[in-house]
Protein backbone atom coordinates (compact mmCIF):
# COMPACT_ATOMS: atom_id res chain seq x y z
CA MET A 1 44.99 -15.76 10.16
CA LYS A 2 47.68 -13.12 9.60
CA PHE A 3 45.10 -10.80 8.06
CA PHE A 4 42.83 -11.31 11.08
CA PHE A 5 45.52 -10.23 13.57
CA VAL A 6 46.49 -7.22 11.42
CA SER A 7 42.86 -6.10 11.14
CA GLN A 8 42.42 -6.42 14.91
CA LEU A 9 45.56 -4.35 15.55
CA ILE A 10 44.32 -1.64 13.19
CA LEU A 11 40.94 -1.61 14.94
CA LEU A 12 42.60 -1.41 18.38
CA PHE A 13 44.90 1.38 17.22
CA SER A 14 42.00 3.42 15.80
CA LEU A 15 40.07 2.92 19.04
CA CYS A 16 42.98 4.14 21.15
CA VAL A 17 43.61 7.16 18.93
CA SER A 18 39.91 8.10 19.00
CA ALA A 19 39.76 7.65 22.75
CA GLU A 20 42.89 9.76 23.32
CA ALA A 21 41.42 12.59 21.23
CA LEU A 22 38.43 12.79 23.58
CA PRO A 23 38.36 14.77 26.86
CA ASP A 24 39.32 13.02 30.07
CA PHE A 25 36.12 11.93 31.85
CA VAL A 26 37.72 10.63 35.04
CA TYR A 27 36.41 12.51 38.11
CA ASP A 28 37.24 12.33 41.82
CA GLY A 29 39.25 9.13 41.63
CA ALA A 30 36.71 7.18 39.57
CA LYS A 31 38.02 4.17 37.71
CA LYS A 32 37.19 3.41 34.10
CA THR A 33 35.57 -0.07 33.94
CA GLN A 34 34.32 -0.30 30.37
CA GLU A 35 34.96 1.46 27.05
CA ARG A 36 33.42 1.16 23.60
CA MET A 37 34.02 3.03 20.36
CA GLN A 38 31.46 2.41 17.60
CA LYS A 39 32.37 3.80 14.21
CA TYR A 40 28.74 4.04 13.18
CA ASP A 41 25.82 3.78 15.56
CA ARG A 42 22.40 5.18 16.38
CA MET A 43 21.77 7.57 19.24
CA VAL A 44 18.37 8.75 20.50
CA ILE A 45 18.76 12.28 21.90
CA THR A 46 16.21 13.58 24.39
CA GLN A 47 15.90 17.35 24.81
CA GLN A 48 13.78 19.32 27.26
CA THR A 49 11.90 22.13 25.49
CA GLU A 50 9.10 24.51 26.46
CA GLU A 51 6.66 22.09 24.83
CA GLY A 52 8.06 19.15 26.81
CA SER A 53 10.41 16.26 26.09
CA LYS A 54 11.53 15.91 22.47
CA LYS A 55 13.32 12.89 21.01
CA THR A 56 15.42 12.94 17.84
CA VAL A 57 17.57 10.25 16.26
CA ARG A 58 21.17 10.89 15.15
CA PHE A 59 23.68 8.62 13.45
CA GLY A 60 27.43 8.66 13.60
CA GLN A 61 30.42 7.82 15.80
CA VAL A 62 29.70 6.97 19.44
CA TYR A 63 32.21 6.65 22.26
CA GLU A 64 30.85 5.18 25.49
CA ALA A 65 32.68 4.65 28.79
CA SER A 66 31.62 3.57 32.28
CA TYR A 67 33.39 4.73 35.47
CA ARG A 68 33.19 3.24 38.95
CA LEU A 69 33.02 5.81 41.78
CA SER A 70 35.61 5.54 44.54
CA ALA A 71 33.14 6.07 47.38
CA PRO A 72 29.43 6.87 47.96
CA HIS A 73 28.46 10.57 48.17
CA ASP A 74 25.51 12.85 48.72
CA PHE A 75 23.81 11.84 45.51
CA GLU A 76 21.96 14.99 44.32
CA HIS A 77 24.71 17.59 45.02
CA TYR A 78 27.46 15.26 43.88
CA THR A 79 25.65 14.52 40.59
CA HIS A 80 25.45 18.22 39.77
CA ARG A 81 29.14 18.84 40.51
CA LEU A 82 30.20 15.74 38.54
CA LYS A 83 28.24 16.78 35.46
CA ALA A 84 29.44 20.39 35.63
CA ASN A 85 33.08 19.31 35.86
CA LEU A 86 32.93 16.79 33.01
CA LEU A 87 30.97 19.13 30.74
CA LYS A 88 33.48 21.93 31.30
CA ARG A 89 36.28 19.63 30.15
CA ALA A 90 34.21 18.71 27.08
CA GLY A 91 33.78 22.42 26.22
CA TYR A 92 30.19 22.99 27.36
CA GLN A 93 29.96 26.42 29.05
CA LYS A 94 26.23 26.94 29.60
CA ASN A 95 24.31 26.29 32.80
CA ILE A 96 22.95 22.82 33.27
CA ALA A 97 19.69 21.55 34.70
CA ASP A 98 19.74 18.63 37.09
CA ARG A 99 17.37 16.57 34.95
CA GLN A 100 19.12 17.31 31.69
CA ARG A 101 20.95 14.34 30.15
CA PHE A 102 22.01 15.45 26.64
CA PHE A 103 24.17 18.49 25.90
CA GLN A 104 25.10 19.82 22.45
CA LEU A 105 28.78 20.69 22.17
CA ALA A 106 28.94 21.78 18.51
CA ARG A 107 26.67 22.12 15.52
CA THR A 108 29.03 21.37 12.60
CA PRO A 109 29.47 18.48 12.71
CA GLU A 110 26.88 17.82 15.42
CA GLN A 111 28.48 16.70 18.66
CA TRP A 112 26.58 15.66 21.77
CA ILE A 113 27.44 14.34 25.17
CA SER A 114 25.24 12.37 27.55
CA ILE A 115 26.11 11.79 31.24
CA THR A 116 24.08 9.35 33.28
CA VAL A 117 24.89 9.12 36.99
CA PHE A 118 24.05 6.22 39.29
CA ARG A 119 24.80 5.67 43.01
CA ASP A 120 28.10 3.90 42.45
CA HIS A 121 29.05 4.68 38.82
CA TYR A 122 28.38 6.96 35.87
CA VAL A 123 28.23 6.47 32.07
CA VAL A 124 29.43 8.98 29.45
CA ARG A 125 28.37 8.79 25.81
CA TYR A 126 30.11 11.12 23.35
CA PHE A 127 28.54 11.39 19.87
CA ARG A 128 29.88 12.88 16.61
CA GLN A 129 27.61 12.90 13.60
CA SER A 130 29.04 11.41 10.39
CA SER A 131 27.90 10.40 6.94
CA TYR A 132 26.81 6.88 6.09
CA PRO A 133 29.45 4.44 4.89
CA ASP A 134 29.00 3.48 1.24
CA THR A 135 27.15 0.25 1.99
CA VAL A 136 23.85 0.04 0.07
CA SER A 137 23.19 0.62 -3.64
CA PHE A 138 20.46 -0.07 -6.23
CA ASP A 139 21.68 -1.45 -9.54
CA THR A 140 19.66 -4.12 -11.39
CA SER A 141 22.16 -4.13 -14.27
CA ARG A 142 24.83 -6.05 -12.32
CA PRO A 143 24.43 -9.55 -10.82
CA TYR A 144 23.61 -10.01 -7.17
CA ALA A 145 25.89 -11.81 -4.71
CA TYR A 146 24.03 -15.08 -4.21
CA SER A 147 25.32 -17.71 -1.78
CA GLU A 148 27.13 -20.75 -3.16
CA ARG A 149 24.14 -22.92 -2.31
CA LEU A 150 21.76 -20.78 -4.38
CA LYS A 151 24.27 -20.64 -7.23
CA LYS A 152 24.45 -24.45 -7.33
CA LEU A 153 20.66 -24.65 -7.40
CA GLY A 154 20.51 -22.01 -10.10
CA TRP A 155 18.09 -20.17 -7.86
CA THR A 156 17.44 -16.51 -8.62
CA VAL A 157 14.46 -14.18 -8.50
CA PRO A 158 13.10 -11.74 -11.08
CA PRO A 159 14.66 -8.27 -10.78
CA ASN A 160 13.02 -5.51 -8.77
CA THR A 161 14.46 -2.01 -8.57
CA TYR A 162 14.16 -2.05 -4.75
CA ILE A 163 16.35 -5.14 -4.20
CA PRO A 164 19.68 -3.66 -3.03
CA HIS A 165 23.31 -4.65 -3.23
CA ILE A 166 24.74 -4.59 0.33
CA ARG A 167 28.48 -4.52 0.78
CA ALA A 168 29.85 -7.55 2.68
CA PHE A 169 26.46 -9.30 2.47
CA GLU A 170 25.22 -12.04 0.13
CA ILE A 171 21.72 -13.32 -0.60
CA GLU A 172 21.26 -16.68 1.18
CA LYS A 173 17.49 -17.04 0.68
CA ALA A 174 15.41 -15.78 -2.22
CA LEU A 175 11.75 -16.57 -2.80
CA TYR A 176 9.44 -15.14 -5.44
CA THR A 177 5.74 -15.79 -6.07
CA ARG A 178 3.70 -14.38 -8.95
CA LYS A 179 0.65 -13.96 -6.74
CA GLY A 180 0.68 -13.79 -3.00
CA ALA A 181 -0.15 -11.64 -0.01
CA TYR A 182 1.75 -10.12 2.90
CA GLN A 183 0.55 -8.19 5.93
CA PHE A 184 2.45 -4.96 6.65
CA THR A 185 2.15 -3.49 10.15
CA THR A 186 2.27 0.26 10.66
CA GLN A 187 1.68 2.48 13.66
CA GLU A 188 -2.04 2.75 12.98
CA SER A 189 -3.10 -0.57 11.46
CA ASN A 190 -2.30 -3.72 9.50
CA HIS A 191 -2.42 -3.71 5.71
CA SER A 192 -2.80 -6.97 3.77
CA VAL A 193 -1.34 -6.37 0.31
CA GLU A 194 -1.83 -8.74 -2.65
CA GLY A 195 0.37 -9.04 -5.71
CA GLU A 196 3.83 -10.23 -6.78
CA VAL A 197 5.91 -11.06 -3.69
CA TRP A 198 9.69 -11.07 -3.19
CA LYS A 199 11.24 -12.35 0.07
CA ILE A 200 15.00 -11.85 0.27
CA LYS A 201 17.35 -12.64 3.15
CA TYR A 202 20.99 -11.46 3.27
CA ALA A 203 23.78 -12.93 5.39
CA TRP A 204 26.91 -11.07 6.46
CA ARG A 205 30.16 -12.29 4.87
CA GLY A 206 32.45 -9.44 5.93
CA GLN A 207 35.45 -9.27 8.24
CA GLN A 208 35.11 -5.95 10.09
CA ARG A 209 31.88 -5.79 12.06
CA ASP A 210 32.17 -1.99 12.45
CA GLU A 211 31.86 -1.48 8.73
CA VAL A 212 28.41 -3.05 8.35
CA ARG A 213 26.41 -1.88 11.35
CA ARG A 214 22.68 -2.38 10.85
CA TYR A 215 21.98 1.32 11.47
CA ALA A 216 24.08 2.36 8.51
CA ILE A 217 22.44 -0.22 6.25
CA LEU A 218 18.92 0.51 7.41
CA HIS A 219 19.12 4.27 7.14
CA GLN A 220 21.09 4.39 3.92
CA PHE A 221 18.39 2.13 2.40
CA ARG A 222 15.77 4.45 3.91
CA ASP A 223 17.39 7.50 2.27
CA LEU A 224 17.63 5.77 -1.10
CA VAL A 225 13.98 4.71 -1.23
CA THR A 226 12.91 8.16 0.02
CA LEU A 227 14.79 9.75 -2.89
CA ARG A 228 12.73 7.54 -5.16
CA GLY A 229 9.55 8.99 -3.74
CA ALA A 230 8.77 6.34 -1.10
CA GLU A 231 6.64 7.21 1.88
CA ILE A 232 7.92 5.82 5.21
CA LEU A 233 4.87 4.35 6.94
CA PHE A 234 6.65 2.99 10.02
CA GLU A 235 10.17 2.81 11.45
CA ASP A 236 11.94 1.77 14.59
CA ALA A 237 15.53 0.92 15.52
CA THR A 238 15.70 -2.12 13.23
CA HIS A 239 12.95 -1.94 10.55
CA ILE A 240 11.13 0.35 8.16
CA VAL A 241 7.86 -0.12 6.28
CA PHE A 242 7.55 1.95 3.09
CA ARG A 243 5.32 2.40 0.08
CA THR A 244 5.96 3.87 -3.38
CA VAL A 245 3.15 4.87 -5.74
CA ARG A 246 4.46 6.37 -8.96
CA SER A 247 4.45 5.73 -12.72
CA GLY A 248 2.05 2.84 -12.39
CA GLU A 249 4.03 1.30 -9.50
CA ASN A 250 2.38 0.41 -6.22
CA ILE A 251 5.15 -1.22 -4.19
CA TRP A 252 5.07 -1.99 -0.47
CA GLY A 253 8.24 -2.97 1.37
CA LEU A 254 9.58 -4.10 4.74
CA PHE A 255 13.34 -3.79 5.29
CA GLY A 256 15.43 -4.43 8.41
CA GLY A 257 17.64 -6.75 10.34
CA ASN A 258 20.66 -6.89 12.63
CA ASP A 259 24.45 -6.89 12.41
CA PHE A 260 24.65 -10.24 10.61
CA SER A 261 21.33 -10.68 8.79
CA VAL A 262 19.15 -8.36 6.68
CA SER A 263 15.69 -9.15 5.33
CA LEU A 264 13.54 -7.56 2.63
CA VAL A 265 9.91 -8.18 1.65
CA LEU A 266 8.50 -6.48 -1.43
CA VAL A 267 4.97 -6.64 -2.83
CA GLN A 268 4.09 -5.20 -6.22
CA ALA A 269 0.44 -4.60 -5.40
CA SER A 270 -2.35 -5.54 -7.77
CA SER A 271 -6.10 -5.27 -7.49
CA ARG A 272 -8.68 -7.67 -8.84
CA PRO A 273 -12.04 -6.12 -9.72
CA ALA A 274 -15.10 -7.98 -8.49
CA GLN A 275 -16.86 -9.89 -11.28
CA LYS A 276 -20.47 -10.97 -11.46
CA ILE A 277 -20.79 -14.18 -13.45
CA LEU A 278 -23.24 -17.07 -13.69
CA ASN A 279 -21.86 -20.29 -12.24
CA ALA A 280 -22.20 -23.61 -14.04
CA SER A 281 -25.49 -24.50 -12.31
CA ALA A 282 -27.05 -21.12 -13.22
CA LEU A 283 -25.90 -21.50 -16.85
CA LYS A 284 -27.45 -25.00 -16.93
CA HIS A 285 -30.74 -23.71 -15.50
CA ALA A 286 -30.92 -20.93 -18.13
CA LEU A 287 -30.22 -23.41 -20.93
CA ASP A 288 -32.92 -25.75 -19.61
CA THR A 289 -35.42 -22.89 -19.33
CA SER A 290 -34.88 -21.01 -22.61
CA GLY A 291 -32.24 -22.91 -24.52
CA ARG A 292 -29.83 -19.95 -24.46
CA VAL A 293 -27.98 -17.75 -21.98
CA THR A 294 -25.82 -14.61 -22.19
CA LEU A 295 -22.30 -15.39 -20.97
CA LYS A 296 -21.76 -12.45 -18.62
CA GLY A 297 -18.23 -11.42 -17.75
CA ILE A 298 -16.77 -11.63 -21.27
CA TYR A 299 -14.65 -8.57 -22.09
CA PHE A 300 -13.04 -7.22 -25.28
CA ASP A 301 -11.44 -3.90 -26.10
CA THR A 302 -13.52 -1.69 -28.40
CA GLY A 303 -13.37 -2.98 -31.96
CA LYS A 304 -11.11 -5.92 -30.93
CA SER A 305 -11.61 -9.68 -30.68
CA ILE A 306 -8.87 -10.51 -28.15
CA LEU A 307 -10.30 -11.66 -24.83
CA LYS A 308 -9.22 -9.62 -21.81
CA PRO A 309 -7.83 -11.45 -18.74
CA ALA A 310 -10.92 -10.44 -16.74
CA SER A 311 -12.95 -12.87 -18.90
CA GLN A 312 -11.32 -15.92 -17.32
CA ALA A 313 -13.95 -16.43 -14.60
CA ALA A 314 -16.84 -16.58 -17.09
CA LEU A 315 -14.90 -18.90 -19.38
CA LYS A 316 -14.14 -21.16 -16.42
CA ALA A 317 -17.87 -21.40 -15.58
CA ALA A 318 -18.73 -22.34 -19.18
CA SER A 319 -15.96 -24.94 -19.39
CA LEU A 320 -17.01 -26.57 -16.09
CA LEU A 321 -20.61 -26.71 -17.35
CA LEU A 322 -19.38 -28.64 -20.38
CA HIS A 323 -17.25 -30.92 -18.19
CA ARG A 324 -20.27 -31.62 -15.95
CA TYR A 325 -22.38 -32.63 -18.96
CA PRO A 326 -20.11 -34.53 -21.39
CA ALA A 327 -22.83 -34.90 -24.05
CA LEU A 328 -23.80 -31.21 -24.08
CA LYS A 329 -23.06 -29.26 -27.28
CA LEU A 330 -23.14 -25.49 -27.52
CA SER A 331 -23.38 -22.91 -30.26
CA ILE A 332 -21.45 -19.72 -29.40
CA GLU A 333 -23.07 -16.60 -30.87
CA GLY A 334 -21.41 -13.19 -31.11
CA HIS A 335 -23.42 -9.94 -31.25
CA THR A 336 -22.55 -6.22 -31.55
CA ASP A 337 -24.38 -2.90 -31.38
CA ASN A 338 -25.08 -0.89 -34.55
CA THR A 339 -22.16 1.53 -34.15
CA GLY A 340 -20.03 1.66 -37.31
CA ASN A 341 -20.20 -0.39 -40.51
CA ALA A 342 -22.59 -3.38 -40.55
CA HIS A 343 -20.13 -5.54 -42.54
CA GLU A 344 -17.35 -4.82 -40.08
CA ASN A 345 -19.67 -5.53 -37.15
CA LEU A 346 -20.54 -8.93 -38.64
CA ALA A 347 -16.85 -9.83 -39.01
CA LEU A 348 -16.11 -8.60 -35.48
CA SER A 349 -18.94 -10.65 -33.94
CA GLN A 350 -17.69 -13.78 -35.76
CA ALA A 351 -14.13 -13.21 -34.54
CA ARG A 352 -15.32 -12.75 -30.95
CA ALA A 353 -17.39 -15.93 -31.02
CA GLU A 354 -14.34 -17.79 -32.40
CA ALA A 355 -12.17 -16.34 -29.63
CA VAL A 356 -14.52 -17.73 -26.97
CA LYS A 357 -14.52 -21.13 -28.66
CA VAL A 358 -10.71 -21.21 -28.75
CA ALA A 359 -10.53 -20.25 -25.07
CA LEU A 360 -12.92 -23.05 -24.08
CA VAL A 361 -10.91 -25.58 -26.11
CA GLN A 362 -7.79 -24.41 -24.24
CA LEU A 363 -9.66 -25.19 -21.03
CA GLY A 364 -10.09 -28.81 -22.11
CA VAL A 365 -13.38 -28.80 -24.06
CA ASP A 366 -13.56 -31.03 -27.16
CA PRO A 367 -13.86 -28.60 -30.16
CA VAL A 368 -16.40 -31.01 -31.78
CA ARG A 369 -18.87 -29.94 -29.10
CA LEU A 370 -18.64 -26.26 -30.02
CA SER A 371 -19.59 -24.07 -32.97
CA ALA A 372 -19.15 -20.32 -33.39
CA THR A 373 -21.29 -17.87 -35.38
CA GLY A 374 -21.39 -14.07 -35.60
CA PHE A 375 -24.60 -12.11 -36.18
CA GLY A 376 -23.28 -8.55 -36.01
CA ASP A 377 -26.02 -6.05 -35.09
CA THR A 378 -28.91 -8.05 -36.60
CA LYS A 379 -30.34 -9.42 -33.30
CA PRO A 380 -30.49 -6.57 -30.77
CA VAL A 381 -32.03 -7.21 -27.32
CA ALA A 382 -32.31 -3.49 -26.42
CA SER A 383 -32.46 -0.10 -28.10
CA ASN A 384 -29.26 1.13 -29.72
CA ASP A 385 -30.30 4.72 -28.95
CA THR A 386 -28.83 4.64 -25.42
CA GLU A 387 -25.44 3.61 -24.08
CA SER A 388 -26.96 1.04 -21.73
CA GLY A 389 -28.88 -0.45 -24.63
CA ARG A 390 -25.81 -0.65 -26.85
CA ALA A 391 -23.88 -2.28 -23.96
CA ALA A 392 -26.61 -4.96 -23.64
CA ASN A 393 -26.42 -5.63 -27.40
CA ARG A 394 -22.67 -6.22 -27.26
CA ARG A 395 -22.75 -9.78 -25.94
CA VAL A 396 -21.79 -13.44 -26.37
CA GLU A 397 -24.54 -16.05 -26.04
CA LEU A 398 -24.46 -19.82 -25.50
CA HIS A 399 -27.19 -21.85 -27.25
CA ARG A 400 -27.93 -25.47 -26.39
CA GLN A 401 -27.73 -27.95 -29.26
CA GLY A 402 -29.72 -31.14 -28.62
CA ASN A 403 -30.10 -33.00 -25.31
CA VAL A 404 -27.94 -32.28 -22.28
CA GLY A 405 -27.32 -35.95 -21.48
CA GLN A 406 -26.07 -37.48 -18.24
CA ILE A 407 -24.33 -35.50 -15.52
CA ARG A 408 -20.73 -36.19 -14.50
CA SER A 409 -20.09 -36.23 -10.74
CA ILE A 410 -17.88 -33.52 -9.25
CA ASP A 411 -14.65 -34.94 -7.85
CA ALA A 412 -10.97 -34.01 -7.38
CA PHE A 413 -10.34 -34.16 -11.14
CA PHE A 414 -12.49 -31.04 -11.60
CA PHE A 415 -9.71 -29.02 -9.95
CA LYS A 416 -6.96 -29.73 -12.42
CA PRO A 417 -4.60 -26.82 -13.25
CA GLU A 418 -5.01 -24.87 -16.47
CA GLY A 419 -1.31 -24.88 -17.48
CA ASP A 420 1.30 -27.63 -17.76
CA ALA A 421 1.22 -30.08 -14.87
CA LYS A 422 1.79 -33.73 -14.07
CA ILE A 423 -0.21 -35.99 -11.82
CA ALA A 424 2.07 -37.30 -9.07
CA GLN A 425 -0.58 -39.40 -7.29
CA GLN A 426 -4.22 -40.29 -7.73
CA ARG A 427 -6.76 -42.64 -6.18
CA THR A 428 -10.51 -43.24 -5.83
CA GLU A 429 -12.46 -45.03 -3.10
CA ALA A 430 -16.04 -46.27 -3.32
CA HIS A 431 -16.42 -46.07 0.47
CA ASP A 432 -14.43 -43.57 2.51
CA SER A 433 -14.76 -41.21 5.47
CA PHE A 434 -13.45 -37.73 6.11
CA ASP A 435 -13.50 -35.56 9.28
CA LEU A 436 -14.18 -31.90 8.72
CA ASN A 437 -14.14 -28.86 11.03
CA ALA A 438 -17.23 -27.14 9.65
CA THR A 439 -17.06 -24.27 12.13
CA ARG A 440 -15.21 -23.43 15.31
CA ASN A 441 -17.92 -25.19 17.30
CA LYS A 442 -18.78 -28.13 15.06
CA SER A 443 -16.95 -31.11 13.55
CA MET A 444 -18.44 -33.55 11.08
CA ARG A 445 -17.64 -37.02 9.77
CA ILE A 446 -18.55 -37.47 6.11
CA ARG A 447 -18.89 -40.86 4.43
CA GLY A 448 -19.14 -41.53 0.74
CA ARG A 449 -17.29 -41.89 -2.56
CA SER A 450 -13.91 -40.13 -2.59
CA ALA A 451 -11.17 -39.10 -5.03
CA ALA A 452 -7.71 -37.65 -4.44
CA VAL A 453 -5.21 -36.19 -6.91
CA ARG A 454 -1.82 -34.50 -6.41
CA TYR A 455 -0.71 -32.12 -9.14
CA ILE A 456 2.79 -30.70 -9.70
CA LEU A 457 2.81 -27.55 -11.82
CA ILE A 458 5.47 -27.34 -14.54
CA GLU A 459 7.19 -24.31 -16.06
CA ASN A 460 10.11 -24.68 -18.48
CA GLY A 461 10.38 -28.37 -17.65
CA ARG A 462 10.75 -27.83 -13.90
CA ARG A 463 8.44 -27.54 -10.90
CA ALA A 464 6.90 -24.04 -10.92
CA ARG A 465 7.99 -22.91 -7.48
CA SER A 466 7.06 -19.29 -8.24
CA VAL A 467 3.40 -20.35 -8.04
CA SER A 468 2.46 -19.83 -4.40
CA ALA A 469 -0.25 -21.52 -2.34
CA TYR A 470 -2.03 -18.17 -2.45
CA GLU A 471 -2.21 -18.28 -6.27
CA ILE A 472 -3.28 -21.92 -6.27
CA PHE A 473 -6.13 -21.14 -3.86
CA GLU A 474 -7.13 -18.18 -6.03
CA ASN A 475 -7.53 -20.55 -9.00
CA VAL A 476 -9.39 -23.06 -6.85
CA GLN A 477 -11.79 -20.32 -5.76
CA SER A 478 -12.58 -19.60 -9.39
CA ASN A 479 -13.52 -23.28 -9.81
CA LEU A 480 -15.63 -23.17 -6.66
CA SER A 481 -17.43 -20.03 -7.81
CA ALA A 482 -18.09 -21.60 -11.20
CA LEU A 483 -19.52 -24.70 -9.51
CA GLY A 484 -21.58 -22.74 -6.98
CA GLY A 485 -19.42 -23.85 -4.04
CA LYS A 486 -18.14 -22.04 -0.95
CA ILE A 487 -15.09 -22.11 1.32
CA LEU A 488 -15.66 -23.50 4.81
CA GLU A 489 -12.21 -22.91 6.27
CA GLN A 490 -8.88 -21.66 4.98
CA THR A 491 -5.32 -21.27 6.28
CA ASP A 492 -2.10 -20.28 4.50
CA GLU A 493 -1.61 -23.83 3.16
CA SER A 494 -4.99 -25.56 3.38
CA MET A 495 -8.59 -25.01 2.30
CA GLN A 496 -11.83 -26.90 3.03
CA PHE A 497 -14.92 -26.35 0.87
CA LEU A 498 -18.47 -27.47 0.09
CA ILE A 499 -20.23 -27.75 -3.26
CA PRO A 500 -24.01 -28.10 -2.69
CA LYS A 501 -25.87 -30.99 -4.32
CA GLY A 502 -26.88 -30.60 -7.95
CA ASP A 503 -29.18 -32.60 -10.22
CA GLY A 504 -29.63 -35.90 -8.40
CA GLU A 505 -26.18 -35.47 -6.81
CA ASN A 506 -24.87 -35.47 -3.24
CA ASP A 507 -23.15 -32.59 -1.52
CA VAL A 508 -19.41 -32.67 -2.25
CA TYR A 509 -16.95 -31.77 0.52
CA GLY A 510 -13.29 -31.24 -0.20
CA LYS A 511 -9.89 -30.25 1.06
CA ILE A 512 -6.88 -28.80 -0.76
CA ASP A 513 -3.34 -28.71 0.61
CA ALA A 514 -1.00 -26.46 -1.39
CA SER A 515 2.65 -25.52 -1.41
CA MET A 516 4.87 -23.72 -3.88
CA GLY A 517 4.20 -25.26 -7.28
CA ALA A 518 2.10 -28.23 -6.11
CA TYR A 519 -1.22 -29.09 -4.53
CA ARG A 520 -3.32 -32.11 -3.47
CA VAL A 521 -7.11 -32.19 -3.89
CA TYR A 522 -9.35 -34.54 -1.92
CA THR A 523 -13.13 -34.72 -2.45
CA ILE A 524 -15.88 -36.88 -0.99
CA ALA A 525 -19.48 -37.11 -2.22
CA ALA A 526 -21.46 -37.18 1.02
CA GLU A 527 -23.78 -40.15 1.35
CA ASN A 528 -24.25 -39.31 5.03
CA VAL A 529 -22.89 -36.67 7.41
CA GLU A 530 -22.50 -37.23 11.15
CA ILE A 531 -21.93 -34.38 13.58
CA ILE A 532 -19.27 -35.75 15.91
CA ALA A 533 -18.61 -32.63 18.02
CA ASP A 534 -20.90 -29.70 18.67
CA LYS A 535 -20.10 -27.43 21.61
CA ASN A 536 -23.61 -26.01 21.45
CA SER A 537 -25.27 -29.40 21.82
CA THR A 538 -24.54 -32.62 23.73
CA LYS A 539 -26.44 -34.76 21.21
CA LYS A 540 -25.12 -36.40 18.07
CA ALA A 541 -27.03 -35.92 14.85
CA VAL A 542 -26.95 -37.83 11.57
CA ILE A 543 -27.87 -36.10 8.32
CA LYS A 544 -28.76 -38.39 5.43
């Protein structure tokens, strides 16, 4: 309490001293009614030029005072005399225009005065440019000031060079997702950016409000990111949107706030190339027709046998094919072009076939159902004299071994996560119903056999909260693509989908609700579908 009173006295003393150092702005018996001295503030200065009105933003010390006039006067002539008198006291010697509001008194440091006159009072703003207080810094080598609540939870986020330390502020909320999306708004358009996402919120924990004005924080942060090569895409009084593209970085950011709260959103952008793969049904059709199929979408570096991440979609399709047909056995065959040594090509093709087998086993396939063989360059399908021919010869094929056997119905258990997870809830119903908004104009009621599973993703023994709903839906979409399905409707936390009927099967409708590190899958095999609301028709229809 003693410190509070002392700090208030110091603030009051500094205000009085600063006010006494300024010219006297009392005119013709006016009475001062309000006074404010801001140590660091933002001032928008409007100047009349030959090209028209020009606005510039300055930052520094601002003194503002309001004065009540003693009596009404002839407004236009009185306004001119009032301004001329006050400007002369402030040291401005040039002629003034009646419509002019801002007057520059000095250039080093910049000093400006603004006089706004009303019928019964006038307002004077006196501005002196100053440097930013030492408020914001970038330093990932020292720990951040997290709130006590976050400390108790052991809650931190991975480092990012654009997460600042802000004097007198601490981080009260911190969220990180490995894959997500955020929409940044600029003057021209909206930009939806995908990638790693950080969302940080700071809360003020200081004592002197003057020391941590949002303008100082915002524009010191702006200067720091600009020095790092950032491009400012949008800014206003409280926020900036920026982007940095350098040294492999592609970072988008939104920074801003008010006197007591500051927020930061960062996205380390990533792009996912489009991949053309055969889904599980197409793979099955090719195996039924010719007994073999080239597994498109399998990628290796030249001369290497390590699968590249882009191969995941094709591997997912093959694994779901094997899950759909539990009795199916496959031979995985590796092939190369004739570049290089034949013996080395044979070894490379064997290693690549083995790599695909290991990847399918990791996706839950019984290794007994798989074999792997390399043939090197002995079975070309095109000429090795052209690059396109050599590319066609570098391939992985799947060959059917024996009968396919019975099909397994698609249900919620087909959407299990690939990593560590636990099943929190599960159930099946022989007869169930589910209402679905198929389009904006149509709703349906589906009846049939249903299944529901709730998965909780695990990392290091704890719920994987860094896995966002966005990433979960991305993985679900890979399953849908592999099964030949499509999305009917999607929001930030929910997705509805359809998987068309397969061999002797019914259409499968489903819904997935996701949150950070968990999701629930519900599926229903449609025995009949009833349209219960159609704005384009007054009749009900039943589809069997």
